Amino acid sequence: MTALGRAGVPGDIGPMIAAFLSDENRWINGQRIEVSGGMAL
Protein backbone atom coordinates (compact mmCIF):
# COMPACT_ATOMS: atom_id res chain seq x y z
CA MET A 1 0.00 0.00 0.00
CA THR A 2 2.81 2.46 0.86
CA ALA A 3 6.57 2.52 0.42
CA LEU A 4 6.93 2.05 4.18
CA GLY A 5 4.60 -0.96 4.16
CA ARG A 6 2.16 0.33 6.78
CA ALA A 7 -0.61 2.83 7.28
CA GLY A 8 0.23 6.11 8.94
CA VAL A 9 -0.86 7.05 12.44
CA PRO A 10 -1.30 10.53 13.96
CA GLY A 11 2.11 10.19 15.61
CA ASP A 12 3.67 10.13 12.14
CA ILE A 13 2.19 13.50 11.21
CA GLY A 14 2.82 15.41 14.45
CA PRO A 15 6.62 15.60 14.17
CA MET A 16 6.39 17.03 10.65
CA ILE A 17 3.93 19.69 11.78
CA ALA A 18 6.11 20.57 14.78
CA ALA A 19 9.21 20.84 12.57
CA PHE A 20 7.40 22.97 10.01
CA LEU A 21 6.10 25.38 12.68
CA SER A 22 9.40 25.76 14.53
CA ASP A 23 11.40 28.99 14.29
CA GLU A 24 14.29 27.04 12.77
CA ASN A 25 12.23 26.62 9.60
CA ARG A 26 10.90 30.17 9.37
CA TRP A 27 12.19 30.51 5.78
CA ILE A 28 10.03 27.64 4.50
CA ASN A 29 6.88 28.97 2.90
CA GLY A 30 4.53 28.13 0.09
CA GLN A 31 5.51 24.45 0.02
CA ARG A 32 3.45 21.31 -0.32
CA ILE A 33 5.06 18.73 1.92
CA GLU A 34 3.77 15.21 1.32
CA VAL A 35 3.52 13.16 4.52
CA SER A 36 2.05 9.96 3.11
CA GLY A 37 4.61 7.27 3.84
CA GLY A 38 5.35 7.09 0.12
CA MET A 39 1.78 6.40 -0.99
CA ALA A 40 1.93 9.31 -3.45
CA LEU A 41 5.28 8.78 -5.18
C-alpha atoms as a PDB file:
ATOM      1  CA  MET A   1       0.000   0.000   0.000  1.00  0.00           C
ATOM      2  CA  THR A   2       2.809   2.460   0.862  1.00  0.00           C
ATOM      3  CA  ALA A   3       6.568   2.517   0.418  1.00  0.00           C
ATOM      4  CA  LEU A   4       6.926   2.050   4.177  1.00  0.00           C
ATOM      5  CA  GLY A   5       4.595  -0.956   4.156  1.00  0.00           C
ATOM      6  CA  ARG A   6       2.163   0.326   6.776  1.00  0.00           C
ATOM      7  CA  ALA A   7      -0.613   2.831   7.279  1.00  0.00           C
ATOM      8  CA  GLY A   8       0.233   6.107   8.941  1.00  0.00           C
ATOM      9  CA  VAL A   9      -0.864   7.054  12.435  1.00  0.00           C
ATOM     10  CA  PRO A  10      -1.301  10.534  13.962  1.00  0.00           C
ATOM     11  CA  GLY A  11       2.110  10.189  15.615  1.00  0.00           C
ATOM     12  CA  ASP A  12       3.669  10.126  12.136  1.00  0.00           C
ATOM     13  CA  ILE A  13       2.193  13.503  11.206  1.00  0.00           C
ATOM     14  CA  GLY A  14       2.820  15.412  14.449  1.00  0.00           C
ATOM     15  CA  PRO A  15       6.624  15.599  14.174  1.00  0.00           C
ATOM     16  CA  MET A  16       6.390  17.027  10.653  1.00  0.00           C
ATOM     17  CA  ILE A  17       3.926  19.686  11.778  1.00  0.00           C
ATOM     18  CA  ALA A  18       6.108  20.565  14.777  1.00  0.00           C
ATOM     19  CA  ALA A  19       9.209  20.836  12.575  1.00  0.00           C
ATOM     20  CA  PHE A  20       7.397  22.972  10.015  1.00  0.00           C
ATOM     21  CA  LEU A  21       6.105  25.377  12.683  1.00  0.00           C
ATOM     22  CA  SER A  22       9.405  25.756  14.534  1.00  0.00           C
ATOM     23  CA  ASP A  23      11.399  28.989  14.294  1.00  0.00           C
ATOM     24  CA  GLU A  24      14.293  27.041  12.773  1.00  0.00           C
ATOM     25  CA  ASN A  25      12.227  26.616   9.603  1.00  0.00           C
ATOM     26  CA  ARG A  26      10.904  30.172   9.367  1.00  0.00           C
ATOM     27  CA  TRP A  27      12.187  30.512   5.777  1.00  0.00           C
ATOM     28  CA  ILE A  28      10.035  27.641   4.504  1.00  0.00           C
ATOM     29  CA  ASN A  29       6.879  28.972   2.901  1.00  0.00           C
ATOM     30  CA  GLY A  30       4.531  28.126   0.085  1.00  0.00           C
ATOM     31  CA  GLN A  31       5.507  24.452   0.022  1.00  0.00           C
ATOM     32  CA  ARG A  32       3.451  21.313  -0.316  1.00  0.00           C
ATOM     33  CA  ILE A  33       5.057  18.725   1.920  1.00  0.00           C
ATOM     34  CA  GLU A  34       3.774  15.211   1.316  1.00  0.00           C
ATOM     35  CA  VAL A  35       3.522  13.164   4.522  1.00  0.00           C
ATOM     36  CA  SER A  36       2.054   9.965   3.115  1.00  0.00           C
ATOM     37  CA  GLY A  37       4.606   7.271   3.840  1.00  0.00           C
ATOM     38  CA  GLY A  38       5.354   7.093   0.119  1.00  0.00           C
ATOM     39  CA  MET A  39       1.783   6.398  -0.990  1.00  0.00           C
ATOM     40  CA  ALA A  40       1.931   9.307  -3.452  1.00  0.00           C
ATOM     41  CA  LEU A  41       5.278   8.779  -5.176  1.00  0.00           C
END
